[in-house]
Amino acid sequence: MARVTHTAVQTSGKYPTAPFTLTATAATPADDEQTALTGREVIIFRNSGATERNVIITSVADSQKNRTGNVSFALAAGAIKAVGPLGIDGWRQSDGMLYFEADHAEVLISVIRV
């Protein structure tokens, strides 16, 4: 399965002179999603549909905190939820990426780097 890579948008910083543009991309349930993980990423999920959808963020074993479980949550119709910033330990896969997925293309995904 080839994952779809989401490129993080850099925020405008502590002393912005202009807002940054946030784009959203529809989830691809057949391929799943990923983004490069530096420990400063925030993932925003928006359900644009009229039916509840599900999201999973894939974890890896964390030797310091003994965390091994994925995070999954329901996204109500019209809801927006954000997760992060996610630390490297427990989240970054061996290829340097963060893996996540949504069960329907009505879930729109944005990634920002703070």
C-alpha atoms as a PDB file:
ATOM      1  CA  MET A   1       0.000   0.000   0.000  1.00  0.00           C
ATOM      2  CA  ALA A   2       1.382   3.415  -0.993  1.00  0.00           C
ATOM      3  CA  ARG A   3       0.616   6.111   1.554  1.00  0.00           C
ATOM      4  CA  VAL A   4      -0.373   9.635   0.556  1.00  0.00           C
ATOM      5  CA  THR A   5       2.113  12.167   1.922  1.00  0.00           C
ATOM      6  CA  HIS A   6       0.763  15.386   3.422  1.00  0.00           C
ATOM      7  CA  THR A   7       3.221  18.285   3.460  1.00  0.00           C
ATOM      8  CA  ALA A   8       3.126  20.374   6.621  1.00  0.00           C
ATOM      9  CA  VAL A   9       2.473  24.094   6.320  1.00  0.00           C
ATOM     10  CA  GLN A  10       4.818  26.187   8.437  1.00  0.00           C
ATOM     11  CA  THR A  11       3.027  28.577  10.790  1.00  0.00           C
ATOM     12  CA  SER A  12       3.749  32.295  10.535  1.00  0.00           C
ATOM     13  CA  GLY A  13       5.686  32.294  13.801  1.00  0.00           C
ATOM     14  CA  LYS A  14       5.518  34.306  17.011  1.00  0.00           C
ATOM     15  CA  TYR A  15       5.665  37.674  15.238  1.00  0.00           C
ATOM     16  CA  PRO A  16       3.611  37.216  12.081  1.00  0.00           C
ATOM     17  CA  THR A  17       3.286  39.859   9.426  1.00  0.00           C
ATOM     18  CA  ALA A  18       0.601  37.914   7.566  1.00  0.00           C
ATOM     19  CA  PRO A  19      -1.521  34.788   8.109  1.00  0.00           C
ATOM     20  CA  PHE A  20      -0.474  31.470   6.640  1.00  0.00           C
ATOM     21  CA  THR A  21      -2.694  29.600   4.194  1.00  0.00           C
ATOM     22  CA  LEU A  22      -4.087  26.326   5.449  1.00  0.00           C
ATOM     23  CA  THR A  23      -5.076  23.749   2.847  1.00  0.00           C
ATOM     24  CA  ALA A  24      -7.040  20.561   3.389  1.00  0.00           C
ATOM     25  CA  THR A  25      -6.768  17.333   1.431  1.00  0.00           C
ATOM     26  CA  ALA A  26      -9.354  14.562   1.379  1.00  0.00           C
ATOM     27  CA  ALA A  27      -8.326  11.340   3.094  1.00  0.00           C
ATOM     28  CA  THR A  28      -7.550   8.377   0.860  1.00  0.00           C
ATOM     29  CA  PRO A  29      -8.893   5.356   2.761  1.00  0.00           C
ATOM     30  CA  ALA A  30      -7.507   2.865   0.237  1.00  0.00           C
ATOM     31  CA  ASP A  31      -3.924   4.098   0.731  1.00  0.00           C
ATOM     32  CA  ASP A  32      -3.833   5.822   4.172  1.00  0.00           C
ATOM     33  CA  GLU A  33      -1.821   8.930   5.037  1.00  0.00           C
ATOM     34  CA  GLN A  34       1.567  10.056   6.305  1.00  0.00           C
ATOM     35  CA  THR A  35       3.575  13.195   7.026  1.00  0.00           C
ATOM     36  CA  ALA A  36       7.213  13.792   7.949  1.00  0.00           C
ATOM     37  CA  LEU A  37       7.463  13.916  11.750  1.00  0.00           C
ATOM     38  CA  THR A  38       9.806  16.411  13.414  1.00  0.00           C
ATOM     39  CA  GLY A  39       7.883  16.601  16.700  1.00  0.00           C
ATOM     40  CA  ARG A  40       6.254  19.933  15.815  1.00  0.00           C
ATOM     41  CA  GLU A  41       3.329  18.736  13.661  1.00  0.00           C
ATOM     42  CA  VAL A  42      -0.331  19.304  14.425  1.00  0.00           C
ATOM     43  CA  ILE A  43      -2.810  17.275  12.364  1.00  0.00           C
ATOM     44  CA  ILE A  44      -6.254  18.792  11.809  1.00  0.00           C
ATOM     45  CA  PHE A  45      -9.134  16.532  10.804  1.00  0.00           C
ATOM     46  CA  ARG A  46     -12.440  17.938   9.525  1.00  0.00           C
ATOM     47  CA  ASN A  47     -15.469  15.795   8.730  1.00  0.00           C
ATOM     48  CA  SER A  48     -17.162  17.495   5.786  1.00  0.00           C
ATOM     49  CA  GLY A  49     -19.909  14.875   5.614  1.00  0.00           C
ATOM     50  CA  ALA A  50     -23.190  14.179   7.361  1.00  0.00           C
ATOM     51  CA  THR A  51     -22.103  10.856   8.913  1.00  0.00           C
ATOM     52  CA  GLU A  52     -19.685  10.141  11.754  1.00  0.00           C
ATOM     53  CA  ARG A  53     -16.229   9.041  10.549  1.00  0.00           C
ATOM     54  CA  ASN A  54     -13.243   7.420  12.286  1.00  0.00           C
ATOM     55  CA  VAL A  55      -9.574   8.385  12.484  1.00  0.00           C
ATOM     56  CA  ILE A  56      -6.560   6.353  13.642  1.00  0.00           C
ATOM     57  CA  ILE A  57      -3.057   7.650  14.396  1.00  0.00           C
ATOM     58  CA  THR A  58      -0.541   4.813  14.370  1.00  0.00           C
ATOM     59  CA  SER A  59       1.868   4.603  17.288  1.00  0.00           C
ATOM     60  CA  VAL A  60       5.138   2.726  17.698  1.00  0.00           C
ATOM     61  CA  ALA A  61       6.583   1.199  20.852  1.00  0.00           C
ATOM     62  CA  ASP A  62       8.003   3.914  23.112  1.00  0.00           C
ATOM     63  CA  SER A  63      10.808   2.613  25.336  1.00  0.00           C
ATOM     64  CA  GLN A  64      10.621   5.580  27.733  1.00  0.00           C
ATOM     65  CA  LYS A  65       6.882   5.746  28.338  1.00  0.00           C
ATOM     66  CA  ASN A  66       5.954   2.133  27.467  1.00  0.00           C
ATOM     67  CA  ARG A  67       3.285   3.462  25.101  1.00  0.00           C
ATOM     68  CA  THR A  68       2.295   0.952  22.433  1.00  0.00           C
ATOM     69  CA  GLY A  69      -1.273   1.771  21.432  1.00  0.00           C
ATOM     70  CA  ASN A  70      -2.715   3.663  18.512  1.00  0.00           C
ATOM     71  CA  VAL A  71      -4.976   6.639  19.081  1.00  0.00           C
ATOM     72  CA  SER A  72      -8.401   6.340  17.492  1.00  0.00           C
ATOM     73  CA  PHE A  73     -11.401   8.605  17.710  1.00  0.00           C
ATOM     74  CA  ALA A  74     -14.758   9.296  16.122  1.00  0.00           C
ATOM     75  CA  LEU A  75     -15.261  12.517  14.214  1.00  0.00           C
ATOM     76  CA  ALA A  76     -18.885  13.631  14.303  1.00  0.00           C
ATOM     77  CA  ALA A  77     -20.541  15.057  11.204  1.00  0.00           C
ATOM     78  CA  GLY A  78     -19.228  18.591  10.646  1.00  0.00           C
ATOM     79  CA  ALA A  79     -16.688  18.304  13.490  1.00  0.00           C
ATOM     80  CA  ILE A  80     -13.091  19.512  13.489  1.00  0.00           C
ATOM     81  CA  LYS A  81     -10.442  17.984  15.780  1.00  0.00           C
ATOM     82  CA  ALA A  82      -6.721  18.630  16.059  1.00  0.00           C
ATOM     83  CA  VAL A  83      -4.029  16.361  17.465  1.00  0.00           C
ATOM     84  CA  GLY A  84      -0.522  17.432  18.394  1.00  0.00           C
ATOM     85  CA  PRO A  85       2.110  18.452  18.365  1.00  0.00           C
ATOM     86  CA  LEU A  86       3.095  14.811  18.519  1.00  0.00           C
ATOM     87  CA  GLY A  87       6.489  13.881  19.941  1.00  0.00           C
ATOM     88  CA  ILE A  88       8.917  11.722  18.055  1.00  0.00           C
ATOM     89  CA  ASP A  89       9.052   8.962  20.702  1.00  0.00           C
ATOM     90  CA  GLY A  90       6.043   6.719  20.291  1.00  0.00           C
ATOM     91  CA  TRP A  91       4.962   8.166  16.947  1.00  0.00           C
ATOM     92  CA  ARG A  92       7.745   8.360  14.355  1.00  0.00           C
ATOM     93  CA  GLN A  93       7.909   5.274  12.144  1.00  0.00           C
ATOM     94  CA  SER A  94      11.243   3.795  10.992  1.00  0.00           C
ATOM     95  CA  ASP A  95      11.006   5.845   7.774  1.00  0.00           C
ATOM     96  CA  GLY A  96      10.700   9.146   9.708  1.00  0.00           C
ATOM     97  CA  MET A  97       6.994   9.510   9.050  1.00  0.00           C
ATOM     98  CA  LEU A  98       3.840   9.735  11.148  1.00  0.00           C
ATOM     99  CA  TYR A  99       1.148   7.323   9.911  1.00  0.00           C
ATOM    100  CA  PHE A 100      -2.565   8.042  10.184  1.00  0.00           C
ATOM    101  CA  GLU A 101      -5.783   7.149   8.420  1.00  0.00           C
ATOM    102  CA  ALA A 102      -9.423   8.046   8.091  1.00  0.00           C
ATOM    103  CA  ASP A 103     -12.217   5.739   6.984  1.00  0.00           C
ATOM    104  CA  HIS A 104     -13.736   8.078   4.363  1.00  0.00           C
ATOM    105  CA  ALA A 105     -12.733  10.788   1.871  1.00  0.00           C
ATOM    106  CA  GLU A 106     -15.151  13.174   3.607  1.00  0.00           C
ATOM    107  CA  VAL A 107     -12.443  13.578   6.250  1.00  0.00           C
ATOM    108  CA  LEU A 108     -10.310  16.538   5.210  1.00  0.00           C
ATOM    109  CA  ILE A 109      -6.769  16.676   6.560  1.00  0.00           C
ATOM    110  CA  SER A 110      -4.418  19.595   7.169  1.00  0.00           C
ATOM    111  CA  VAL A 111      -0.944  19.443   8.687  1.00  0.00           C
ATOM    112  CA  ILE A 112       0.779  22.424  10.273  1.00  0.00           C
ATOM    113  CA  ARG A 113       4.261  22.650  11.731  1.00  0.00           C
ATOM    114  CA  VAL A 114       4.472  24.928  14.777  1.00  0.00           C
END
